[in-house]
C-alpha atoms as a PDB file:
ATOM      1  CA  UNK A   1       1.099  -8.217  31.517  1.00  0.00           C
ATOM      2  CA  UNK A   2       4.674  -7.617  30.457  1.00  0.00           C
ATOM      3  CA  UNK A   3       6.066  -8.069  26.991  1.00  0.00           C
ATOM      4  CA  UNK A   4       9.419  -8.912  25.446  1.00  0.00           C
ATOM      5  CA  UNK A   5      10.391  -6.970  22.336  1.00  0.00           C
ATOM      6  CA  UNK A   6      12.421  -8.977  19.807  1.00  0.00           C
ATOM      7  CA  UNK A   7      14.392  -7.260  17.042  1.00  0.00           C
ATOM      8  CA  UNK A   8      16.835  -9.724  15.458  1.00  0.00           C
ATOM      9  CA  UNK A   9      20.029  -8.187  14.037  1.00  0.00           C
ATOM     10  CA  UNK A  10      19.460 -10.076  10.754  1.00  0.00           C
ATOM     11  CA  UNK A  11      16.549  -7.691   9.964  1.00  0.00           C
ATOM     12  CA  UNK A  12      16.469  -4.015   9.132  1.00  0.00           C
ATOM     13  CA  UNK A  13      16.464  -1.852  12.281  1.00  0.00           C
ATOM     14  CA  UNK A  14      12.847  -1.069  13.153  1.00  0.00           C
ATOM     15  CA  UNK A  15      11.643   2.519  13.199  1.00  0.00           C
ATOM     16  CA  UNK A  16       8.411   3.046  15.127  1.00  0.00           C
ATOM     17  CA  UNK A  17       7.663  -0.691  15.512  1.00  0.00           C
ATOM     18  CA  UNK A  18       9.088  -3.956  16.850  1.00  0.00           C
ATOM     19  CA  UNK A  19       9.591  -7.016  14.635  1.00  0.00           C
ATOM     20  CA  UNK A  20       8.140  -9.405  17.229  1.00  0.00           C
ATOM     21  CA  UNK A  21       6.543  -9.050  20.650  1.00  0.00           C
ATOM     22  CA  UNK A  22       6.198 -11.999  23.027  1.00  0.00           C
ATOM     23  CA  UNK A  23       3.539 -11.809  25.741  1.00  0.00           C
ATOM     24  CA  UNK A  24       5.124 -12.806  29.086  1.00  0.00           C
ATOM     25  CA  UNK A  25       3.777 -15.971  30.641  1.00  0.00           C
ATOM     26  CA  UNK A  26       2.772 -17.350  27.245  1.00  0.00           C
ATOM     27  CA  UNK A  27       4.265 -18.176  23.887  1.00  0.00           C
ATOM     28  CA  UNK A  28       1.924 -15.913  21.948  1.00  0.00           C
ATOM     29  CA  UNK A  29       4.053 -13.880  19.546  1.00  0.00           C
ATOM     30  CA  UNK A  30       2.803 -10.862  17.616  1.00  0.00           C
ATOM     31  CA  UNK A  31       4.804 -10.219  14.443  1.00  0.00           C
ATOM     32  CA  UNK A  32       5.148  -6.894  12.652  1.00  0.00           C
ATOM     33  CA  UNK A  33       4.323  -6.706   8.984  1.00  0.00           C
ATOM     34  CA  UNK A  34       7.403  -7.564   6.948  1.00  0.00           C
ATOM     35  CA  UNK A  35       8.537  -6.317   3.567  1.00  0.00           C
ATOM     36  CA  UNK A  36      11.422  -7.117   1.271  1.00  0.00           C
ATOM     37  CA  UNK A  37      13.970  -5.063   3.258  1.00  0.00           C
ATOM     38  CA  UNK A  38      17.568  -6.147   3.640  1.00  0.00           C
ATOM     39  CA  UNK A  39      19.600  -5.547   6.824  1.00  0.00           C
ATOM     40  CA  UNK A  40      20.402  -1.975   5.719  1.00  0.00           C
ATOM     41  CA  UNK A  41      16.741  -1.152   5.066  1.00  0.00           C
ATOM     42  CA  UNK A  42      16.905  -1.321   1.261  1.00  0.00           C
ATOM     43  CA  UNK A  43      14.242  -3.049  -0.876  1.00  0.00           C
ATOM     44  CA  UNK A  44      15.472  -6.275  -2.460  1.00  0.00           C
ATOM     45  CA  UNK A  45      14.140  -8.157  -5.484  1.00  0.00           C
ATOM     46  CA  UNK A  46      12.801  -6.828  -8.763  1.00  0.00           C
ATOM     47  CA  UNK A  47       9.798  -9.110  -9.073  1.00  0.00           C
ATOM     48  CA  UNK A  48       6.816  -9.873  -6.874  1.00  0.00           C
ATOM     49  CA  UNK A  49       7.973 -13.473  -6.178  1.00  0.00           C
ATOM     50  CA  UNK A  50      11.479 -12.250  -5.208  1.00  0.00           C
ATOM     51  CA  UNK A  51      10.069  -9.617  -2.866  1.00  0.00           C
ATOM     52  CA  UNK A  52       7.533 -12.044  -1.403  1.00  0.00           C
ATOM     53  CA  UNK A  53      10.286 -14.589  -0.712  1.00  0.00           C
ATOM     54  CA  UNK A  54      12.356 -11.950   1.126  1.00  0.00           C
ATOM     55  CA  UNK A  55       9.360 -10.664   3.119  1.00  0.00           C
ATOM     56  CA  UNK A  56       8.399 -14.196   4.159  1.00  0.00           C
ATOM     57  CA  UNK A  57      12.023 -14.919   5.065  1.00  0.00           C
ATOM     58  CA  UNK A  58      12.056 -11.778   7.234  1.00  0.00           C
ATOM     59  CA  UNK A  59       8.834 -12.892   8.926  1.00  0.00           C
ATOM     60  CA  UNK A  60      10.326 -16.295   9.722  1.00  0.00           C
ATOM     61  CA  UNK A  61      13.555 -14.690  10.990  1.00  0.00           C
ATOM     62  CA  UNK A  62      11.548 -12.586  13.460  1.00  0.00           C
ATOM     63  CA  UNK A  63       9.477 -15.638  14.477  1.00  0.00           C
ATOM     64  CA  UNK A  64      12.555 -17.808  15.069  1.00  0.00           C
ATOM     65  CA  UNK A  65      14.213 -15.044  17.116  1.00  0.00           C
ATOM     66  CA  UNK A  66      11.106 -15.056  19.332  1.00  0.00           C
ATOM     67  CA  UNK A  67      11.358 -18.826  19.818  1.00  0.00           C
ATOM     68  CA  UNK A  68       8.918 -20.079  17.165  1.00  0.00           C
ATOM     69  CA  UNK A  69       8.984 -21.728  13.776  1.00  0.00           C
ATOM     70  CA  UNK A  70       6.898 -21.989  10.606  1.00  0.00           C
ATOM     71  CA  UNK A  71       4.638 -24.670  12.096  1.00  0.00           C
ATOM     72  CA  UNK A  72       3.647 -22.212  14.843  1.00  0.00           C
ATOM     73  CA  UNK A  73       2.112 -19.637  12.508  1.00  0.00           C
ATOM     74  CA  UNK A  74      -1.615 -19.318  13.021  1.00  0.00           C
ATOM     75  CA  UNK A  75      -2.298 -16.781  10.270  1.00  0.00           C
ATOM     76  CA  UNK A  76      -0.446 -14.759   7.642  1.00  0.00           C
ATOM     77  CA  UNK A  77      -2.069 -11.890   5.772  1.00  0.00           C
ATOM     78  CA  UNK A  78      -0.551 -10.796   2.462  1.00  0.00           C
ATOM     79  CA  UNK A  79      -1.028  -7.343   1.018  1.00  0.00           C
ATOM     80  CA  UNK A  80       0.004  -6.318  -2.496  1.00  0.00           C
ATOM     81  CA  UNK A  81       0.006  -3.076  -4.425  1.00  0.00           C
ATOM     82  CA  UNK A  82       0.014  -4.894  -7.788  1.00  0.00           C
ATOM     83  CA  UNK A  83      -2.979  -7.214  -7.966  1.00  0.00           C
ATOM     84  CA  UNK A  84      -2.281  -8.133 -11.600  1.00  0.00           C
ATOM     85  CA  UNK A  85       1.251  -9.328 -10.743  1.00  0.00           C
ATOM     86  CA  UNK A  86      -0.100 -11.219  -7.734  1.00  0.00           C
ATOM     87  CA  UNK A  87      -2.643 -13.032  -9.870  1.00  0.00           C
ATOM     88  CA  UNK A  88      -0.035 -13.745 -12.528  1.00  0.00           C
ATOM     89  CA  UNK A  89       2.201 -15.499 -10.000  1.00  0.00           C
ATOM     90  CA  UNK A  90      -0.506 -17.135  -7.849  1.00  0.00           C
ATOM     91  CA  UNK A  91      -0.824 -20.864  -7.946  1.00  0.00           C
ATOM     92  CA  UNK A  92      -3.809 -21.996  -9.938  1.00  0.00           C
END
């Protein structure tokens, strides 16, 4: 099986990973974990919601560059280092 590596210019240059990998002969796309990095590799946003919005936007940018869209996501896993802030901003 061959793969296509997708690294959109709108995202921070990857170091040691690829933003998206498409398996040839299919439309299965594997996305790298995304954080709140801007195109220069700097963290953006001061709050958890701001950083989450940027990370999700980066994820969708990688997905669109690989030919997909939000409706094509099968699963998203979210990790946080500040559980209290996550709970504070989680929908009830």
